[in-house]
Amino acid sequence: MEHKTHRKPLFCAALLLFCLLFITPANSQDKNQKYFELENGLKIFLYEKHTLPLVNLVFAVNLGTKDESEKTNGIVHILEHYILFRGTEFRSGEEISQDIRRHGAYFNAHTSPDLATFEISLPSEYADFALRNQKEILFNLKLSQEELDEEKKVILEELSQIQDDPIKYATSLVYQNLFKDHPYQKPVPGKKETIEALTVEQVEKFYRKFFVPSNSVLAIVGDFETEEMEKKTKDIFGDLKKDEITPPKYEKSHALKKTVEIKQEMDVNQAYLVIGIPGPDYNDKDQYAIDMLTQILGRGVNPMLNYPLRGRRNLAQSALMRYSAHKYGGAIIIYIALKPKNIGITKRETINFLKKTSRLNYSKKDVMGDAQLYALDYLESAKNQIKFDFHQSQEKGLAIATGLARYLILNENQERGSYLENIEKLNSLDLWKAAGKYLSKGRYVIVIISPKEKK
């Protein structure tokens, strides 16, 4: 689950996994890439890429909803908004906005269970502005109760929109039950009562504790010379004070003990069936097999889920499967849109299908004799699609920078290796094992959203 901030309120229910990386500090030997750490603890990764005349900066702070308490749930979300849209010790929020527009920049931020990211993308000639702007808004924030109260109104409006959106609301319910009694249980956008009660003193204390260089990373990708950019980052960020911080660690999320089913009526025209399944965390080697299964079962051009749900009986209007890996756990979620009359049978068919995933034929090699001639090779097709998507993603400097920033915060596996190499090694046995471990257990979080009955 991740929250994107725009001035126009928007909550992103899409669960994105930025792990399509072949560039990491551990395996990078390219002269166009450099990783280093400043004396104040700020970790920086530079990737010189001249595809477009743009520079993309992504700051990530090791701070997410995992670090909130029940009384402060939503404080990271508040800070994300405040940093983007309010003032610093040197400029007002309006002045910052005007400067951003004048330099032709794309400017945004995201909150997730693990970290908060702040991104800016703009023409490479304005790289100095981007560096200084991000330094100022992140480390020179000026908080006031008046502006905090104004930003609360925006947040509360977002929360009300989430309550009215079936997919966003169902996703929130899945997370709250999938990660019950775990720090990930708390909603990323926060809760109405805690947002309303937050004081500027609470936000200030939280901000001063976590927004320090040693708890942050910076990834820069784009049209620049590595040596020159290294000097600029050292000159601009080197004078930030070093504050020692020991980031808290948390236990891995636990497996579900039993299936949880939640039914909710909403003002909608069709029904939604959303099924959550515990998945592997960011550092678990099983993530590659789950990526592959997600592609084969619920994505791509010919997903296997289509057969029981959208085949001859046409039970569902759409079906999509997504996987998100967090540091202390993962979430596999299936989204199905359907007619209300089909809820019961669609739920049964989907669960029956999931239980069979540990013995399905994924490759031609799984089929014997002449039947191989007619068998579909889902495994090879998915590998090709992932390779295609991967290479497409490498043209997007901002996506690369985001993935690098997440890697610097979340990775604990120095022998992770190349993403594509790990994908290429997968065979049906790997998929059967992963499906048996995660998908076929028979314990799920099931959220059913149905239209309100007409009176």
Protein backbone atom coordinates (compact mmCIF):
# COMPACT_ATOMS: atom_id res chain seq x y z
CA MET A 1 0.00 0.00 0.00
CA GLU A 2 1.33 3.38 -0.94
CA HIS A 3 0.03 6.91 -0.82
CA LYS A 4 0.84 9.52 -3.47
CA THR A 5 0.45 13.18 -2.74
CA HIS A 6 -0.76 15.70 -5.27
CA ARG A 7 -2.53 18.94 -4.48
CA LYS A 8 -5.50 17.30 -6.16
CA PRO A 9 -6.24 14.57 -3.58
CA LEU A 10 -5.41 11.10 -4.83
CA PHE A 11 -4.90 7.79 -3.06
CA CYS A 12 -3.13 5.09 -5.00
CA ALA A 13 -4.48 1.61 -4.39
CA ALA A 14 -2.06 0.14 -6.89
CA LEU A 15 0.63 -1.89 -5.13
CA LEU A 16 3.87 -1.15 -6.89
CA LEU A 17 7.10 -3.10 -6.52
CA PHE A 18 10.13 -1.10 -7.65
CA CYS A 19 12.48 -4.07 -7.68
CA LEU A 20 13.23 -4.08 -11.41
CA LEU A 21 16.82 -3.15 -10.75
CA PHE A 22 20.06 -4.34 -12.18
CA ILE A 23 21.89 -1.35 -10.70
CA THR A 24 22.76 -1.60 -7.00
CA PRO A 25 25.59 -0.37 -4.80
CA ALA A 26 26.61 -3.98 -4.26
CA ASN A 27 27.08 -4.94 -7.90
CA SER A 28 27.71 -1.66 -9.69
CA GLN A 29 31.11 -1.39 -11.37
CA ASP A 30 30.05 1.04 -14.11
CA LYS A 31 31.98 4.31 -14.27
CA ASN A 32 28.64 6.09 -14.83
CA GLN A 33 27.39 4.93 -11.43
CA LYS A 34 28.70 5.87 -8.02
CA TYR A 35 27.66 5.22 -4.45
CA PHE A 36 29.08 7.11 -1.48
CA GLU A 37 28.17 8.32 1.99
CA LEU A 38 28.69 11.79 3.42
CA GLU A 39 30.19 12.35 6.87
CA ASN A 40 26.73 13.27 8.18
CA GLY A 41 25.43 9.84 7.17
CA LEU A 42 23.50 10.75 4.00
CA LYS A 43 23.79 7.90 1.47
CA ILE A 44 23.91 8.95 -2.18
CA PHE A 45 23.72 6.96 -5.41
CA LEU A 46 24.44 8.60 -8.78
CA TYR A 47 23.51 7.07 -12.11
CA GLU A 48 24.60 9.02 -15.16
CA LYS A 49 22.11 8.38 -17.97
CA HIS A 50 21.91 10.66 -21.00
CA THR A 51 18.75 9.26 -22.63
CA LEU A 52 16.83 12.50 -21.99
CA PRO A 53 18.01 15.98 -20.91
CA LEU A 54 16.46 15.49 -17.47
CA VAL A 55 17.68 15.02 -13.93
CA ASN A 56 15.58 12.94 -11.51
CA LEU A 57 16.11 13.18 -7.75
CA VAL A 58 14.46 10.93 -5.20
CA PHE A 59 14.97 11.44 -1.48
CA ALA A 60 13.83 8.58 0.75
CA VAL A 61 13.48 8.80 4.51
CA ASN A 62 13.42 5.63 6.60
CA LEU A 63 10.06 6.56 8.06
CA GLY A 64 6.66 5.03 7.39
CA THR A 65 3.48 4.00 9.12
CA LYS A 66 5.53 1.24 10.79
CA ASP A 67 7.05 4.00 12.95
CA GLU A 68 3.74 5.50 14.07
CA SER A 69 1.77 4.68 17.20
CA GLU A 70 -2.00 4.44 17.43
CA LYS A 71 -1.98 8.03 18.69
CA THR A 72 0.18 9.32 15.83
CA ASN A 73 -1.21 7.26 12.93
CA GLY A 74 -1.22 9.59 9.92
CA ILE A 75 1.64 11.81 11.07
CA VAL A 76 3.95 10.69 8.23
CA HIS A 77 1.18 11.41 5.75
CA ILE A 78 0.75 14.87 7.30
CA LEU A 79 4.48 15.55 7.06
CA GLU A 80 4.54 14.41 3.43
CA HIS A 81 1.83 16.94 2.57
CA TYR A 82 3.30 19.69 4.70
CA ILE A 83 6.78 19.36 3.16
CA LEU A 84 5.39 19.54 -0.37
CA PHE A 85 2.92 22.37 0.06
CA ARG A 86 3.89 24.46 3.07
CA GLY A 87 6.79 26.76 3.79
CA THR A 88 10.34 26.54 5.10
CA GLU A 89 12.45 28.89 7.17
CA PHE A 90 13.33 30.74 3.95
CA ARG A 91 10.35 30.56 1.56
CA SER A 92 6.58 30.28 1.81
CA GLY A 93 4.70 27.37 0.29
CA GLU A 94 3.47 29.64 -2.49
CA GLU A 95 7.01 30.81 -3.29
CA ILE A 96 8.23 27.22 -3.46
CA SER A 97 5.35 26.30 -5.77
CA GLN A 98 6.14 29.24 -8.05
CA ASP A 99 9.83 28.30 -8.18
CA ILE A 100 8.93 24.70 -9.03
CA ARG A 101 6.70 25.82 -11.92
CA ARG A 102 9.26 28.31 -13.17
CA HIS A 103 11.87 25.56 -13.50
CA GLY A 104 9.46 23.22 -15.34
CA ALA A 105 9.67 20.54 -12.65
CA TYR A 106 7.52 17.54 -11.81
CA PHE A 107 7.24 17.42 -8.02
CA ASN A 108 5.61 14.78 -5.82
CA ALA A 109 5.86 12.63 -2.71
CA HIS A 110 4.72 9.22 -1.48
CA THR A 111 4.09 7.57 1.87
CA SER A 112 4.26 3.81 2.39
CA PRO A 113 4.47 1.43 5.35
CA ASP A 114 8.28 1.55 5.22
CA LEU A 115 9.39 4.92 3.95
CA ALA A 116 8.51 8.35 2.65
CA THR A 117 9.88 9.49 -0.71
CA PHE A 118 10.15 12.97 -2.21
CA GLU A 119 10.85 13.32 -5.90
CA ILE A 120 11.59 16.02 -8.40
CA SER A 121 12.27 15.71 -12.13
CA LEU A 122 13.29 18.67 -14.27
CA PRO A 123 15.55 19.80 -17.15
CA SER A 124 19.17 18.96 -16.36
CA GLU A 125 20.25 22.61 -16.61
CA TYR A 126 18.34 23.20 -13.35
CA ALA A 127 20.00 20.41 -11.37
CA ASP A 128 21.43 22.88 -8.84
CA PHE A 129 17.95 24.24 -8.14
CA ALA A 130 16.60 20.73 -7.57
CA LEU A 131 19.36 19.86 -5.11
CA ARG A 132 18.97 23.07 -3.11
CA ASN A 133 15.18 22.96 -3.20
CA GLN A 134 15.02 19.41 -1.84
CA LYS A 135 17.57 20.19 0.84
CA GLU A 136 15.53 23.19 2.00
CA ILE A 137 12.09 21.59 2.07
CA LEU A 138 13.31 18.42 3.79
CA PHE A 139 15.68 19.83 6.38
CA ASN A 140 14.47 23.40 6.97
CA LEU A 141 10.75 22.91 7.47
CA LYS A 142 8.88 25.66 9.31
CA LEU A 143 5.87 24.31 11.19
CA SER A 144 2.95 26.33 12.52
CA GLN A 145 -0.37 25.26 14.01
CA GLU A 146 -2.27 27.44 11.55
CA GLU A 147 -0.77 25.83 8.45
CA LEU A 148 -0.97 22.38 10.02
CA ASP A 149 -4.70 22.89 10.56
CA GLU A 150 -5.09 23.93 6.92
CA GLU A 151 -3.29 20.81 5.72
CA LYS A 152 -5.42 18.66 8.00
CA LYS A 153 -8.48 19.77 6.04
CA VAL A 154 -6.92 18.44 2.83
CA ILE A 155 -6.03 15.15 4.50
CA LEU A 156 -9.50 14.72 5.97
CA GLU A 157 -11.01 15.31 2.52
CA GLU A 158 -8.74 12.58 1.13
CA LEU A 159 -9.86 10.22 3.88
CA SER A 160 -13.50 10.82 3.02
CA GLN A 161 -12.75 10.08 -0.64
CA ILE A 162 -11.09 6.80 0.33
CA GLN A 163 -14.22 5.81 2.25
CA ASP A 164 -16.24 6.36 -0.94
CA ASP A 165 -13.92 4.43 -3.27
CA PRO A 166 -14.54 0.65 -3.20
CA ILE A 167 -11.07 -0.38 -4.34
CA LYS A 168 -9.17 1.97 -2.03
CA TYR A 169 -11.41 1.15 0.91
CA ALA A 170 -11.17 -2.60 0.32
CA THR A 171 -7.38 -2.39 0.01
CA SER A 172 -7.20 -0.58 3.33
CA LEU A 173 -9.34 -3.27 4.97
CA VAL A 174 -7.13 -6.00 3.50
CA TYR A 175 -4.00 -4.41 4.97
CA GLN A 176 -5.58 -3.89 8.37
CA ASN A 177 -6.45 -7.59 8.57
CA LEU A 178 -3.53 -9.07 6.64
CA PHE A 179 -1.10 -7.37 9.05
CA LYS A 180 -3.20 -7.56 12.21
CA ASP A 181 -1.20 -6.72 15.36
CA HIS A 182 1.77 -5.66 13.20
CA PRO A 183 2.99 -2.08 12.55
CA TYR A 184 1.78 -2.39 8.93
CA GLN A 185 -1.78 -2.68 10.20
CA LYS A 186 -2.13 1.09 10.57
CA PRO A 187 -3.68 2.83 7.52
CA VAL A 188 -1.10 4.77 5.49
CA PRO A 189 -3.29 7.92 5.15
CA GLY A 190 -4.08 7.84 8.88
CA LYS A 191 -7.33 7.87 10.83
CA LYS A 192 -9.75 10.76 11.09
CA GLU A 193 -9.62 11.03 14.89
CA THR A 194 -5.81 10.94 15.09
CA ILE A 195 -5.38 13.44 12.25
CA GLU A 196 -7.78 15.84 13.95
CA ALA A 197 -5.98 15.52 17.30
CA LEU A 198 -2.39 15.99 16.06
CA THR A 199 -0.67 19.11 17.40
CA VAL A 200 2.19 21.06 15.88
CA GLU A 201 4.34 20.03 18.86
CA GLN A 202 3.80 16.32 18.06
CA VAL A 203 4.57 16.82 14.38
CA GLU A 204 7.66 18.92 15.16
CA LYS A 205 9.05 16.28 17.52
CA PHE A 206 8.49 13.52 14.96
CA TYR A 207 10.03 15.60 12.18
CA ARG A 208 13.15 16.50 14.19
CA LYS A 209 13.72 12.88 15.14
CA PHE A 210 13.46 11.23 11.74
CA PHE A 211 14.28 13.86 9.11
CA VAL A 212 18.05 13.76 9.53
CA PRO A 213 20.74 12.90 6.93
CA SER A 214 21.73 9.61 8.59
CA ASN A 215 18.13 8.38 8.23
CA SER A 216 17.88 9.45 4.57
CA VAL A 217 19.14 8.46 1.13
CA LEU A 218 19.33 10.31 -2.17
CA ALA A 219 19.25 8.71 -5.62
CA ILE A 220 19.96 10.87 -8.68
CA VAL A 221 19.48 9.56 -12.21
CA GLY A 222 19.84 11.50 -15.43
CA ASP A 223 21.75 13.79 -17.70
CA PHE A 224 24.83 14.87 -15.73
CA GLU A 225 28.52 14.12 -15.34
CA THR A 226 29.09 11.83 -12.36
CA GLU A 227 32.20 13.58 -11.05
CA GLU A 228 30.57 17.01 -11.26
CA MET A 229 27.35 15.81 -9.60
CA GLU A 230 29.31 14.17 -6.79
CA LYS A 231 30.98 17.49 -6.04
CA LYS A 232 27.66 19.35 -6.10
CA THR A 233 25.97 16.94 -3.70
CA LYS A 234 28.90 17.10 -1.30
CA ASP A 235 28.98 20.90 -1.42
CA ILE A 236 25.22 21.30 -0.95
CA PHE A 237 24.44 18.54 1.57
CA GLY A 238 27.79 18.25 3.32
CA ASP A 239 27.08 21.02 5.83
CA LEU A 240 23.99 19.32 7.25
CA LYS A 241 24.46 18.40 10.89
CA LYS A 242 25.08 14.76 11.76
CA ASP A 243 22.40 13.48 14.11
CA GLU A 244 22.76 9.93 15.32
CA ILE A 245 19.67 7.80 14.96
CA THR A 246 19.15 4.09 15.39
CA PRO A 247 16.15 3.16 13.24
CA PRO A 248 13.81 0.82 15.10
CA LYS A 249 13.53 -2.75 13.88
CA TYR A 250 10.35 -4.79 13.77
CA GLU A 251 9.40 -8.44 13.63
CA LYS A 252 8.34 -10.00 10.34
CA SER A 253 4.60 -10.14 9.81
CA HIS A 254 2.90 -13.37 10.83
CA ALA A 255 0.97 -15.82 8.69
CA LEU A 256 -2.81 -15.74 8.85
CA LYS A 257 -4.25 -18.22 11.37
CA LYS A 258 -7.62 -18.34 9.65
CA THR A 259 -9.58 -16.77 6.81
CA VAL A 260 -11.10 -13.38 7.58
CA GLU A 261 -14.16 -12.28 5.60
CA ILE A 262 -15.54 -8.74 5.63
CA LYS A 263 -18.75 -7.66 3.90
CA GLN A 264 -19.56 -4.03 3.25
CA GLU A 265 -22.33 -2.26 1.39
CA MET A 266 -21.47 0.90 -0.52
CA ASP A 267 -23.09 3.25 -2.99
CA VAL A 268 -21.75 1.40 -6.07
CA ASN A 269 -23.28 -0.10 -9.19
CA GLN A 270 -21.30 -3.33 -9.25
CA ALA A 271 -19.68 -5.62 -6.70
CA TYR A 272 -16.02 -6.03 -5.82
CA LEU A 273 -14.26 -9.06 -4.43
CA VAL A 274 -10.79 -8.32 -3.03
CA ILE A 275 -8.65 -11.16 -1.69
CA GLY A 276 -5.46 -10.56 0.30
CA ILE A 277 -2.73 -13.16 0.85
CA PRO A 278 0.46 -12.81 2.93
CA GLY A 279 3.50 -12.66 0.67
CA PRO A 280 7.31 -12.67 0.98
CA ASP A 281 9.12 -9.56 2.18
CA TYR A 282 11.54 -7.37 0.21
CA ASN A 283 14.60 -9.42 1.19
CA ASP A 284 13.06 -12.87 0.74
CA LYS A 285 14.28 -14.83 -2.27
CA ASP A 286 10.70 -16.06 -2.79
CA GLN A 287 9.79 -12.61 -4.13
CA TYR A 288 11.00 -13.57 -7.62
CA ALA A 289 8.73 -16.61 -7.82
CA ILE A 290 5.79 -14.53 -6.53
CA ASP A 291 6.53 -11.85 -9.12
CA MET A 292 6.39 -14.58 -11.76
CA LEU A 293 3.20 -16.12 -10.38
CA THR A 294 1.56 -12.70 -10.22
CA GLN A 295 2.40 -12.17 -13.89
CA ILE A 296 1.17 -15.63 -14.93
CA LEU A 297 -1.98 -15.78 -12.84
CA GLY A 298 -3.34 -12.26 -12.81
CA ARG A 299 -1.52 -9.99 -15.23
CA GLY A 300 -0.15 -10.13 -18.75
CA VAL A 301 -2.09 -10.77 -21.93
CA ASN A 302 -3.51 -14.19 -21.01
CA PRO A 303 -3.66 -14.58 -17.21
CA MET A 304 -4.68 -17.95 -15.84
CA LEU A 305 -7.29 -16.37 -13.57
CA ASN A 306 -9.30 -15.55 -16.68
CA TYR A 307 -10.19 -19.20 -17.25
CA PRO A 308 -12.27 -19.84 -14.11
CA LEU A 309 -13.56 -16.26 -13.84
CA ARG A 310 -13.96 -14.86 -17.33
CA GLY A 311 -14.29 -17.97 -19.44
CA ARG A 312 -17.47 -19.66 -20.53
CA ARG A 313 -19.45 -18.67 -17.42
CA ASN A 314 -18.24 -15.06 -17.48
CA LEU A 315 -18.37 -14.68 -13.70
CA ALA A 316 -16.23 -11.53 -13.49
CA GLN A 317 -15.94 -8.33 -15.47
CA SER A 318 -12.25 -7.91 -14.62
CA ALA A 319 -9.59 -9.63 -12.52
CA LEU A 320 -6.16 -8.33 -11.57
CA MET A 321 -3.43 -9.61 -9.26
CA ARG A 322 -0.72 -7.49 -7.65
CA TYR A 323 2.14 -8.04 -5.22
CA SER A 324 3.89 -5.54 -2.96
CA ALA A 325 7.01 -6.37 -0.98
CA HIS A 326 7.69 -4.43 2.22
CA LYS A 327 10.67 -4.81 4.53
CA TYR A 328 8.86 -6.90 7.13
CA GLY A 329 6.24 -8.65 5.01
CA GLY A 330 4.46 -8.73 1.69
CA ALA A 331 0.92 -8.48 0.33
CA ILE A 332 -0.53 -10.35 -2.64
CA ILE A 333 -3.91 -8.93 -3.60
CA ILE A 334 -6.49 -10.02 -6.18
CA TYR A 335 -9.04 -7.45 -7.35
CA ILE A 336 -12.21 -8.72 -9.03
CA ALA A 337 -15.09 -6.60 -10.36
CA LEU A 338 -18.33 -8.53 -10.88
CA LYS A 339 -22.10 -8.56 -10.76
CA PRO A 340 -23.54 -8.85 -7.23
CA LYS A 341 -25.37 -12.10 -8.08
CA ASN A 342 -22.01 -13.77 -8.86
CA ILE A 343 -20.24 -12.99 -5.56
CA GLY A 344 -20.71 -16.40 -3.95
CA ILE A 345 -19.70 -18.56 -6.89
CA THR A 346 -16.83 -16.26 -7.88
CA LYS A 347 -15.40 -16.39 -4.36
CA ARG A 348 -15.55 -20.20 -4.39
CA GLU A 349 -14.01 -20.50 -7.87
CA THR A 350 -11.19 -18.09 -7.01
CA ILE A 351 -10.30 -19.87 -3.77
CA ASN A 352 -10.46 -23.28 -5.47
CA PHE A 353 -8.17 -21.95 -8.19
CA LEU A 354 -5.67 -20.59 -5.64
CA LYS A 355 -5.55 -23.94 -3.87
CA LYS A 356 -4.64 -25.62 -7.18
CA THR A 357 -1.79 -23.23 -8.06
CA SER A 358 0.83 -25.53 -6.50
CA ARG A 359 0.16 -28.18 -9.14
CA LEU A 360 -0.77 -26.29 -12.31
CA ASN A 361 1.16 -26.72 -15.56
CA TYR A 362 3.19 -23.53 -16.04
CA SER A 363 5.64 -24.73 -18.69
CA LYS A 364 5.56 -27.03 -21.70
CA LYS A 365 8.00 -29.23 -19.79
CA ASP A 366 5.25 -29.94 -17.26
CA VAL A 367 3.22 -31.77 -19.91
CA MET A 368 4.07 -35.24 -21.20
CA GLY A 369 4.19 -36.58 -24.75
CA ASP A 370 2.32 -35.09 -27.70
CA ALA A 371 0.34 -32.81 -25.38
CA GLN A 372 3.40 -30.55 -25.30
CA LEU A 373 2.59 -29.47 -28.86
CA TYR A 374 -0.64 -27.83 -27.71
CA ALA A 375 0.34 -26.69 -24.22
CA LEU A 376 0.76 -23.02 -23.46
CA ASP A 377 4.14 -22.05 -22.01
CA TYR A 378 3.01 -19.54 -19.38
CA LEU A 379 6.43 -19.49 -17.75
CA GLU A 380 8.36 -18.50 -20.85
CA SER A 381 5.70 -15.98 -21.88
CA ALA A 382 5.81 -14.35 -18.44
CA LYS A 383 9.62 -14.19 -18.50
CA ASN A 384 9.48 -12.41 -21.85
CA GLN A 385 6.86 -9.95 -20.60
CA ILE A 386 8.87 -9.19 -17.47
CA LYS A 387 11.99 -8.61 -19.57
CA PHE A 388 10.03 -6.26 -21.83
CA ASP A 389 8.59 -4.35 -18.87
CA PHE A 390 12.01 -4.23 -17.26
CA HIS A 391 13.71 -2.71 -20.27
CA GLN A 392 10.87 -0.23 -20.67
CA SER A 393 11.30 0.83 -17.05
CA GLN A 394 14.97 1.53 -17.66
CA GLU A 395 13.96 4.40 -19.93
CA LYS A 396 12.21 6.11 -17.03
CA GLY A 397 14.80 7.90 -14.95
CA LEU A 398 12.37 8.70 -12.14
CA ALA A 399 11.35 5.04 -11.79
CA ILE A 400 15.00 3.99 -11.62
CA ALA A 401 15.76 6.64 -9.00
CA THR A 402 12.77 5.53 -6.93
CA GLY A 403 13.86 1.89 -7.10
CA LEU A 404 17.40 2.81 -6.09
CA ALA A 405 16.19 4.90 -3.14
CA ARG A 406 13.97 2.04 -1.93
CA TYR A 407 16.87 -0.38 -2.33
CA LEU A 408 19.18 1.78 -0.23
CA ILE A 409 16.62 1.86 2.59
CA LEU A 410 15.18 -1.66 2.46
CA ASN A 411 17.87 -4.01 1.20
CA GLU A 412 19.65 -6.31 3.64
CA ASN A 413 20.82 -8.87 1.10
CA GLN A 414 24.21 -7.95 -0.34
CA GLU A 415 24.13 -11.02 -2.59
CA ARG A 416 20.80 -10.11 -4.18
CA GLY A 417 22.23 -10.15 -7.69
CA SER A 418 20.52 -9.17 -10.92
CA TYR A 419 16.72 -9.12 -10.96
CA LEU A 420 16.52 -10.50 -14.49
CA GLU A 421 19.02 -13.25 -13.74
CA ASN A 422 16.93 -14.34 -10.74
CA ILE A 423 13.79 -14.32 -12.90
CA GLU A 424 15.49 -16.28 -15.69
CA LYS A 425 16.53 -19.06 -13.29
CA LEU A 426 12.94 -19.80 -12.26
CA ASN A 427 11.32 -23.07 -13.28
CA SER A 428 7.99 -24.71 -12.55
CA LEU A 429 9.33 -26.38 -9.41
CA ASP A 430 10.11 -22.93 -7.97
CA LEU A 431 6.59 -21.77 -8.78
CA TRP A 432 4.97 -24.87 -7.27
CA LYS A 433 6.94 -24.37 -4.04
CA ALA A 434 6.08 -20.66 -3.81
CA ALA A 435 2.41 -21.29 -4.64
CA GLY A 436 2.24 -23.99 -1.98
CA LYS A 437 3.90 -21.73 0.57
CA TYR A 438 1.75 -18.65 -0.06
CA LEU A 439 -1.24 -19.08 -2.40
CA SER A 440 -2.55 -22.56 -1.63
CA LYS A 441 -2.67 -22.32 2.17
CA GLY A 442 -6.42 -21.73 2.19
CA ARG A 443 -6.23 -18.74 4.56
CA TYR A 444 -7.10 -15.36 3.08
CA VAL A 445 -8.48 -11.93 3.86
CA ILE A 446 -11.65 -11.62 1.79
CA VAL A 447 -13.38 -8.27 1.39
CA ILE A 448 -16.75 -8.15 -0.39
CA ILE A 449 -18.11 -4.78 -1.46
CA SER A 450 -21.69 -4.90 -2.71
CA PRO A 451 -24.24 -2.27 -3.74
CA LYS A 452 -26.59 -0.93 -1.08
CA GLU A 453 -29.99 -2.46 -1.21
CA LYS A 454 -32.59 -0.12 -2.63
CA LYS A 455 -35.36 0.75 -0.19
